[in-house]
Amino acid sequence: VKVSPTRDKLARALPWIAAAESRRVALVSG
């Protein structure tokens, strides 16, 4: 799928940033 963003990078990241702030984003190592 191709995406041509119409918003700046901060605006696009904010939805999952909100989840990260609530400790609901995990990084999988290895």
PDB file of all heavy atoms in Angstrom:
ATOM      1  N   VAL A   1       0.845  -1.193   0.000  1.00  0.00           N
ATOM      2  CA  VAL A   1       0.000   0.000   0.000  1.00  0.00           C
ATOM      3  C   VAL A   1       0.878   1.240   0.000  1.00  0.00           C
ATOM      4  O   VAL A   1       1.837   1.326   0.762  1.00  0.00           O
ATOM      5  CB  VAL A   1      -0.923   0.014   1.240  1.00  0.00           C
ATOM      6  CG1 VAL A   1      -1.776   1.278   1.269  1.00  0.00           C
ATOM      7  CG2 VAL A   1      -1.800  -1.223   1.247  1.00  0.00           C
ATOM      8  N   LYS A   2       0.520   2.202  -0.847  1.00  0.00           N
ATOM      9  CA  LYS A   2       1.248   3.470  -0.893  1.00  0.00           C
ATOM     10  C   LYS A   2       0.539   4.509  -0.033  1.00  0.00           C
ATOM     11  O   LYS A   2      -0.681   4.634  -0.046  1.00  0.00           O
ATOM     12  CB  LYS A   2       1.332   3.970  -2.335  1.00  0.00           C
ATOM     13  CG  LYS A   2       2.033   5.321  -2.467  1.00  0.00           C
ATOM     14  CD  LYS A   2       2.215   5.722  -3.912  1.00  0.00           C
ATOM     15  CE  LYS A   2       0.899   6.069  -4.581  1.00  0.00           C
ATOM     16  NZ  LYS A   2       1.076   6.626  -5.934  1.00  0.00           N
ATOM     17  N   VAL A   3       1.320   5.267   0.732  1.00  0.00           N
ATOM     18  CA  VAL A   3       0.784   6.350   1.540  1.00  0.00           C
ATOM     19  C   VAL A   3       1.479   7.642   1.130  1.00  0.00           C
ATOM     20  O   VAL A   3       2.710   7.691   1.060  1.00  0.00           O
ATOM     21  CB  VAL A   3       1.008   6.092   3.050  1.00  0.00           C
ATOM     22  CG1 VAL A   3       0.592   7.311   3.859  1.00  0.00           C
ATOM     23  CG2 VAL A   3       0.226   4.875   3.497  1.00  0.00           C
ATOM     24  N   SER A   4       0.691   8.663   0.854  1.00  0.00           N
ATOM     25  CA  SER A   4       1.222   9.997   0.570  1.00  0.00           C
ATOM     26  C   SER A   4       0.727  10.923   1.665  1.00  0.00           C
ATOM     27  O   SER A   4      -0.380  11.456   1.583  1.00  0.00           O
ATOM     28  CB  SER A   4       0.759  10.485  -0.806  1.00  0.00           C
ATOM     29  OG  SER A   4       1.221   9.620  -1.823  1.00  0.00           O
ATOM     30  N   PRO A   5       1.492  11.104   2.716  1.00  0.00           N
ATOM     31  CA  PRO A   5       1.014  11.821   3.902  1.00  0.00           C
ATOM     32  C   PRO A   5       0.609  13.257   3.599  1.00  0.00           C
ATOM     33  O   PRO A   5       1.251  13.957   2.812  1.00  0.00           O
ATOM     34  CB  PRO A   5       2.220  11.791   4.844  1.00  0.00           C
ATOM     35  CG  PRO A   5       3.053  10.643   4.371  1.00  0.00           C
ATOM     36  CD  PRO A   5       2.864  10.612   2.885  1.00  0.00           C
ATOM     37  N   THR A   6      -0.489  13.684   4.233  1.00  0.00           N
ATOM     38  CA  THR A   6      -0.954  15.065   4.131  1.00  0.00           C
ATOM     39  C   THR A   6      -0.757  15.805   5.450  1.00  0.00           C
ATOM     40  O   THR A   6      -1.066  16.984   5.534  1.00  0.00           O
ATOM     41  CB  THR A   6      -2.441  15.095   3.751  1.00  0.00           C
ATOM     42  OG1 THR A   6      -3.201  14.354   4.722  1.00  0.00           O
ATOM     43  CG2 THR A   6      -2.656  14.480   2.375  1.00  0.00           C
ATOM     44  N   ARG A   7      -0.265  15.105   6.483  1.00  0.00           N
ATOM     45  CA  ARG A   7      -0.023  15.727   7.789  1.00  0.00           C
ATOM     46  C   ARG A   7       1.458  15.622   8.136  1.00  0.00           C
ATOM     47  O   ARG A   7       2.165  14.783   7.608  1.00  0.00           O
ATOM     48  CB  ARG A   7      -0.849  15.018   8.868  1.00  0.00           C
ATOM     49  CG  ARG A   7      -2.346  15.081   8.648  1.00  0.00           C
ATOM     50  CD  ARG A   7      -3.051  14.086   9.560  1.00  0.00           C
ATOM     51  NE  ARG A   7      -2.701  12.723   9.217  1.00  0.00           N
ATOM     52  CZ  ARG A   7      -2.913  11.673  10.004  1.00  0.00           C
ATOM     53  NH1 ARG A   7      -3.441  11.855  11.194  1.00  0.00           N
ATOM     54  NH2 ARG A   7      -2.575  10.465   9.621  1.00  0.00           N
ATOM     55  N   ASP A   8       1.904  16.481   9.042  1.00  0.00           N
ATOM     56  CA  ASP A   8       3.300  16.405   9.431  1.00  0.00           C
ATOM     57  C   ASP A   8       3.535  15.158  10.290  1.00  0.00           C
ATOM     58  O   ASP A   8       2.607  14.529  10.787  1.00  0.00           O
ATOM     59  CB  ASP A   8       3.740  17.671  10.164  1.00  0.00           C
ATOM     60  CG  ASP A   8       2.942  17.947  11.425  1.00  0.00           C
ATOM     61  OD1 ASP A   8       2.884  17.057  12.294  1.00  0.00           O
ATOM     62  OD2 ASP A   8       2.382  19.039  11.540  1.00  0.00           O
ATOM     63  N   LYS A   9       4.825  14.824  10.480  1.00  0.00           N
ATOM     64  CA  LYS A   9       5.172  13.561  11.127  1.00  0.00           C
ATOM     65  C   LYS A   9       4.707  13.491  12.580  1.00  0.00           C
ATOM     66  O   LYS A   9       4.358  12.428  13.072  1.00  0.00           O
ATOM     67  CB  LYS A   9       6.678  13.323  11.027  1.00  0.00           C
ATOM     68  CG  LYS A   9       7.538  14.385  11.687  1.00  0.00           C
ATOM     69  CD  LYS A   9       9.020  14.044  11.527  1.00  0.00           C
ATOM     70  CE  LYS A   9       9.429  14.014  10.076  1.00  0.00           C
ATOM     71  NZ  LYS A   9      10.843  13.598   9.888  1.00  0.00           N
ATOM     72  N   LEU A  10       4.683  14.628  13.272  1.00  0.00           N
ATOM     73  CA  LEU A  10       4.207  14.616  14.654  1.00  0.00           C
ATOM     74  C   LEU A  10       2.726  14.288  14.717  1.00  0.00           C
ATOM     75  O   LEU A  10       2.289  13.464  15.522  1.00  0.00           O
ATOM     76  CB  LEU A  10       4.485  15.966  15.321  1.00  0.00           C
ATOM     77  CG  LEU A  10       3.924  16.135  16.732  1.00  0.00           C
ATOM     78  CD1 LEU A  10       4.459  15.061  17.665  1.00  0.00           C
ATOM     79  CD2 LEU A  10       4.252  17.517  17.275  1.00  0.00           C
ATOM     80  N   ALA A  11       1.928  14.931  13.865  1.00  0.00           N
ATOM     81  CA  ALA A  11       0.490  14.673  13.862  1.00  0.00           C
ATOM     82  C   ALA A  11       0.190  13.211  13.552  1.00  0.00           C
ATOM     83  O   ALA A  11      -0.730  12.619  14.124  1.00  0.00           O
ATOM     84  CB  ALA A  11      -0.202  15.583  12.842  1.00  0.00           C
ATOM     85  N   ARG A  12       0.992  12.605  12.674  1.00  0.00           N
ATOM     86  CA  ARG A  12       0.755  11.204  12.311  1.00  0.00           C
ATOM     87  C   ARG A  12       1.149  10.258  13.439  1.00  0.00           C
ATOM     88  O   ARG A  12       0.589   9.171  13.576  1.00  0.00           O
ATOM     89  CB  ARG A  12       1.541  10.867  11.042  1.00  0.00           C
ATOM     90  CG  ARG A  12       1.007  11.582   9.800  1.00  0.00           C
ATOM     91  CD  ARG A  12       2.012  11.575   8.680  1.00  0.00           C
ATOM     92  NE  ARG A  12       2.404  10.225   8.333  1.00  0.00           N
ATOM     93  CZ  ARG A  12       3.531   9.929   7.701  1.00  0.00           C
ATOM     94  NH1 ARG A  12       4.387  10.879   7.383  1.00  0.00           N
ATOM     95  NH2 ARG A  12       3.805   8.683   7.416  1.00  0.00           N
ATOM     96  N   ALA A  13       2.118  10.662  14.255  1.00  0.00           N
ATOM     97  CA  ALA A  13       2.594   9.784  15.330  1.00  0.00           C
ATOM     98  C   ALA A  13       1.737   9.883  16.592  1.00  0.00           C
ATOM     99  O   ALA A  13       1.762   8.970  17.425  1.00  0.00           O
ATOM    100  CB  ALA A  13       4.051  10.108  15.664  1.00  0.00           C
ATOM    101  N   LEU A  14       0.999  10.969  16.762  1.00  0.00           N
ATOM    102  CA  LEU A  14       0.312  11.216  18.030  1.00  0.00           C
ATOM    103  C   LEU A  14      -0.622  10.092  18.484  1.00  0.00           C
ATOM    104  O   LEU A  14      -0.680   9.796  19.684  1.00  0.00           O
ATOM    105  CB  LEU A  14      -0.455  12.543  17.958  1.00  0.00           C
ATOM    106  CG  LEU A  14       0.421  13.779  18.111  1.00  0.00           C
ATOM    107  CD1 LEU A  14      -0.370  15.033  17.766  1.00  0.00           C
ATOM    108  CD2 LEU A  14       0.973  13.876  19.532  1.00  0.00           C
ATOM    109  N   PRO A  15      -1.392   9.442  17.600  1.00  0.00           N
ATOM    110  CA  PRO A  15      -2.279   8.382  18.089  1.00  0.00           C
ATOM    111  C   PRO A  15      -1.549   7.265  18.821  1.00  0.00           C
ATOM    112  O   PRO A  15      -1.985   6.814  19.875  1.00  0.00           O
ATOM    113  CB  PRO A  15      -2.967   7.880  16.814  1.00  0.00           C
ATOM    114  CG  PRO A  15      -2.932   9.048  15.888  1.00  0.00           C
ATOM    115  CD  PRO A  15      -1.622   9.718  16.161  1.00  0.00           C
ATOM    116  N   TRP A  16      -0.426   6.800  18.266  1.00  0.00           N
ATOM    117  CA  TRP A  16       0.264   5.713  18.974  1.00  0.00           C
ATOM    118  C   TRP A  16       1.173   6.265  20.073  1.00  0.00           C
ATOM    119  O   TRP A  16       1.509   5.534  21.018  1.00  0.00           O
ATOM    120  CB  TRP A  16       1.022   4.801  18.008  1.00  0.00           C
ATOM    121  CG  TRP A  16       2.204   5.366  17.282  1.00  0.00           C
ATOM    122  CD1 TRP A  16       2.221   5.915  16.041  1.00  0.00           C
ATOM    123  CD2 TRP A  16       3.562   5.399  17.741  1.00  0.00           C
ATOM    124  NE1 TRP A  16       3.496   6.310  15.697  1.00  0.00           N
ATOM    125  CE2 TRP A  16       4.343   5.997  16.723  1.00  0.00           C
ATOM    126  CE3 TRP A  16       4.202   4.988  18.906  1.00  0.00           C
ATOM    127  CZ2 TRP A  16       5.710   6.191  16.822  1.00  0.00           C
ATOM    128  CZ3 TRP A  16       5.571   5.178  19.024  1.00  0.00           C
ATOM    129  CH2 TRP A  16       6.310   5.764  17.993  1.00  0.00           C
ATOM    130  N   ILE A  17       1.531   7.547  20.024  1.00  0.00           N
ATOM    131  CA  ILE A  17       2.251   8.163  21.139  1.00  0.00           C
ATOM    132  C   ILE A  17       1.371   8.152  22.385  1.00  0.00           C
ATOM    133  O   ILE A  17       1.847   7.927  23.500  1.00  0.00           O
ATOM    134  CB  ILE A  17       2.682   9.600  20.779  1.00  0.00           C
ATOM    135  CG1 ILE A  17       3.883   9.559  19.829  1.00  0.00           C
ATOM    136  CG2 ILE A  17       3.042  10.399  22.036  1.00  0.00           C
ATOM    137  CD1 ILE A  17       4.348  10.935  19.373  1.00  0.00           C
ATOM    138  N   ALA A  18       0.068   8.401  22.199  1.00  0.00           N
ATOM    139  CA  ALA A  18      -0.857   8.369  23.338  1.00  0.00           C
ATOM    140  C   ALA A  18      -0.857   6.989  23.994  1.00  0.00           C
ATOM    141  O   ALA A  18      -0.899   6.862  25.225  1.00  0.00           O
ATOM    142  CB  ALA A  18      -2.265   8.748  22.883  1.00  0.00           C
ATOM    143  N   ALA A  19      -0.793   5.941  23.172  1.00  0.00           N
ATOM    144  CA  ALA A  19      -0.729   4.584  23.722  1.00  0.00           C
ATOM    145  C   ALA A  19       0.604   4.361  24.447  1.00  0.00           C
ATOM    146  O   ALA A  19       0.658   3.726  25.507  1.00  0.00           O
ATOM    147  CB  ALA A  19      -0.905   3.554  22.607  1.00  0.00           C
ATOM    148  N   ALA A  20       1.689   4.896  23.890  1.00  0.00           N
ATOM    149  CA  ALA A  20       3.001   4.741  24.538  1.00  0.00           C
ATOM    150  C   ALA A  20       3.021   5.417  25.898  1.00  0.00           C
ATOM    151  O   ALA A  20       3.572   4.879  26.870  1.00  0.00           O
ATOM    152  CB  ALA A  20       4.095   5.322  23.635  1.00  0.00           C
ATOM    153  N   GLU A  21       2.414   6.598  25.991  1.00  0.00           N
ATOM    154  CA  GLU A  21       2.393   7.317  27.260  1.00  0.00           C
ATOM    155  C   GLU A  21       1.664   6.523  28.336  1.00  0.00           C
ATOM    156  O   GLU A  21       1.979   6.614  29.524  1.00  0.00           O
ATOM    157  CB  GLU A  21       1.737   8.677  27.072  1.00  0.00           C
ATOM    158  CG  GLU A  21       1.789   9.550  28.312  1.00  0.00           C
ATOM    159  CD  GLU A  21       1.212  10.937  28.078  1.00  0.00           C
ATOM    160  OE1 GLU A  21       0.526  11.126  27.050  1.00  0.00           O
ATOM    161  OE2 GLU A  21       1.451  11.818  28.908  1.00  0.00           O
ATOM    162  N   SER A  22       0.705   5.727  27.900  1.00  0.00           N
ATOM    163  CA  SER A  22      -0.041   4.880  28.837  1.00  0.00           C
ATOM    164  C   SER A  22       0.616   3.525  29.051  1.00  0.00           C
ATOM    165  O   SER A  22      -0.009   2.614  29.589  1.00  0.00           O
ATOM    166  CB  SER A  22      -1.472   4.679  28.317  1.00  0.00           C
ATOM    167  OG  SER A  22      -2.130   5.911  28.161  1.00  0.00           O
ATOM    168  N   ARG A  23       1.856   3.393  28.596  1.00  0.00           N
ATOM    169  CA  ARG A  23       2.637   2.145  28.750  1.00  0.00           C
ATOM    170  C   ARG A  23       1.969   0.982  28.022  1.00  0.00           C
ATOM    171  O   ARG A  23       1.921  -0.139  28.500  1.00  0.00           O
ATOM    172  CB  ARG A  23       2.810   1.786  30.207  1.00  0.00           C
ATOM    173  CG  ARG A  23       3.922   2.436  31.010  1.00  0.00           C
ATOM    174  CD  ARG A  23       4.056   3.890  30.878  1.00  0.00           C
ATOM    175  NE  ARG A  23       5.066   4.419  31.816  1.00  0.00           N
ATOM    176  CZ  ARG A  23       5.160   5.699  32.113  1.00  0.00           C
ATOM    177  NH1 ARG A  23       4.320   6.573  31.579  1.00  0.00           N
ATOM    178  NH2 ARG A  23       6.087   6.136  32.945  1.00  0.00           N
ATOM    179  N   ARG A  24       1.477   1.270  26.811  1.00  0.00           N
ATOM    180  CA  ARG A  24       0.800   0.227  26.040  1.00  0.00           C
ATOM    181  C   ARG A  24       1.482  -0.014  24.694  1.00  0.00           C
ATOM    182  O   ARG A  24       0.863  -0.467  23.749  1.00  0.00           O
ATOM    183  CB  ARG A  24      -0.672   0.599  25.839  1.00  0.00           C
ATOM    184  CG  ARG A  24      -1.467   0.584  27.135  1.00  0.00           C
ATOM    185  CD  ARG A  24      -2.948   0.857  26.917  1.00  0.00           C
ATOM    186  NE  ARG A  24      -3.218   2.248  26.574  1.00  0.00           N
ATOM    187  CZ  ARG A  24      -3.628   2.670  25.378  1.00  0.00           C
ATOM    188  NH1 ARG A  24      -3.811   1.808  24.399  1.00  0.00           N
ATOM    189  NH2 ARG A  24      -3.862   3.952  25.156  1.00  0.00           N
ATOM    190  N   VAL A  25       2.779   0.305  24.619  1.00  0.00           N
ATOM    191  CA  VAL A  25       3.573  -0.012  23.429  1.00  0.00           C
ATOM    192  C   VAL A  25       4.831  -0.737  23.889  1.00  0.00           C
ATOM    193  O   VAL A  25       5.586  -0.225  24.723  1.00  0.00           O
ATOM    194  CB  VAL A  25       3.949   1.260  22.638  1.00  0.00           C
ATOM    195  CG1 VAL A  25       4.847   0.885  21.454  1.00  0.00           C
ATOM    196  CG2 VAL A  25       2.698   1.975  22.138  1.00  0.00           C
ATOM    197  N   ALA A  26       5.046  -1.927  23.357  1.00  0.00           N
ATOM    198  CA  ALA A  26       6.219  -2.730  23.725  1.00  0.00           C
ATOM    199  C   ALA A  26       7.109  -2.915  22.506  1.00  0.00           C
ATOM    200  O   ALA A  26       6.633  -3.040  21.368  1.00  0.00           O
ATOM    201  CB  ALA A  26       5.788  -4.085  24.268  1.00  0.00           C
ATOM    202  N   LEU A  27       8.425  -2.945  22.734  1.00  0.00           N
ATOM    203  CA  LEU A  27       9.402  -3.189  21.683  1.00  0.00           C
ATOM    204  C   LEU A  27       9.919  -4.618  21.814  1.00  0.00           C
ATOM    205  O   LEU A  27      10.286  -5.051  22.912  1.00  0.00           O
ATOM    206  CB  LEU A  27      10.565  -2.204  21.793  1.00  0.00           C
ATOM    207  CG  LEU A  27      10.200  -0.713  21.818  1.00  0.00           C
ATOM    208  CD1 LEU A  27      11.468   0.137  21.933  1.00  0.00           C
ATOM    209  CD2 LEU A  27       9.403  -0.321  20.586  1.00  0.00           C
ATOM    210  N   VAL A  28       9.938  -5.336  20.701  1.00  0.00           N
ATOM    211  CA  VAL A  28      10.328  -6.747  20.700  1.00  0.00           C
ATOM    212  C   VAL A  28      11.781  -6.852  20.259  1.00  0.00           C
ATOM    213  O   VAL A  28      12.119  -6.566  19.104  1.00  0.00           O
ATOM    214  CB  VAL A  28       9.421  -7.573  19.773  1.00  0.00           C
ATOM    215  CG1 VAL A  28       9.778  -9.054  19.886  1.00  0.00           C
ATOM    216  CG2 VAL A  28       7.945  -7.346  20.119  1.00  0.00           C
ATOM    217  N   SER A  29      12.655  -7.240  21.172  1.00  0.00           N
ATOM    218  CA  SER A  29      14.082  -7.329  20.859  1.00  0.00           C
ATOM    219  C   SER A  29      14.399  -8.654  20.180  1.00  0.00           C
ATOM    220  O   SER A  29      13.597  -9.588  20.172  1.00  0.00           O
ATOM    221  CB  SER A  29      14.909  -7.197  22.141  1.00  0.00           C
ATOM    222  OG  SER A  29      14.653  -8.283  23.005  1.00  0.00           O
ATOM    223  N   GLY A  30      15.605  -8.733  19.606  1.00  0.00           N
ATOM    224  CA  GLY A  30      16.060  -9.982  19.010  1.00  0.00           C
ATOM    225  C   GLY A  30      15.442 -10.289  17.672  1.00  0.00           C
ATOM    226  O   GLY A  30      15.511 -11.419  17.195  1.00  0.00           O
TER     227      GLY A  30
END
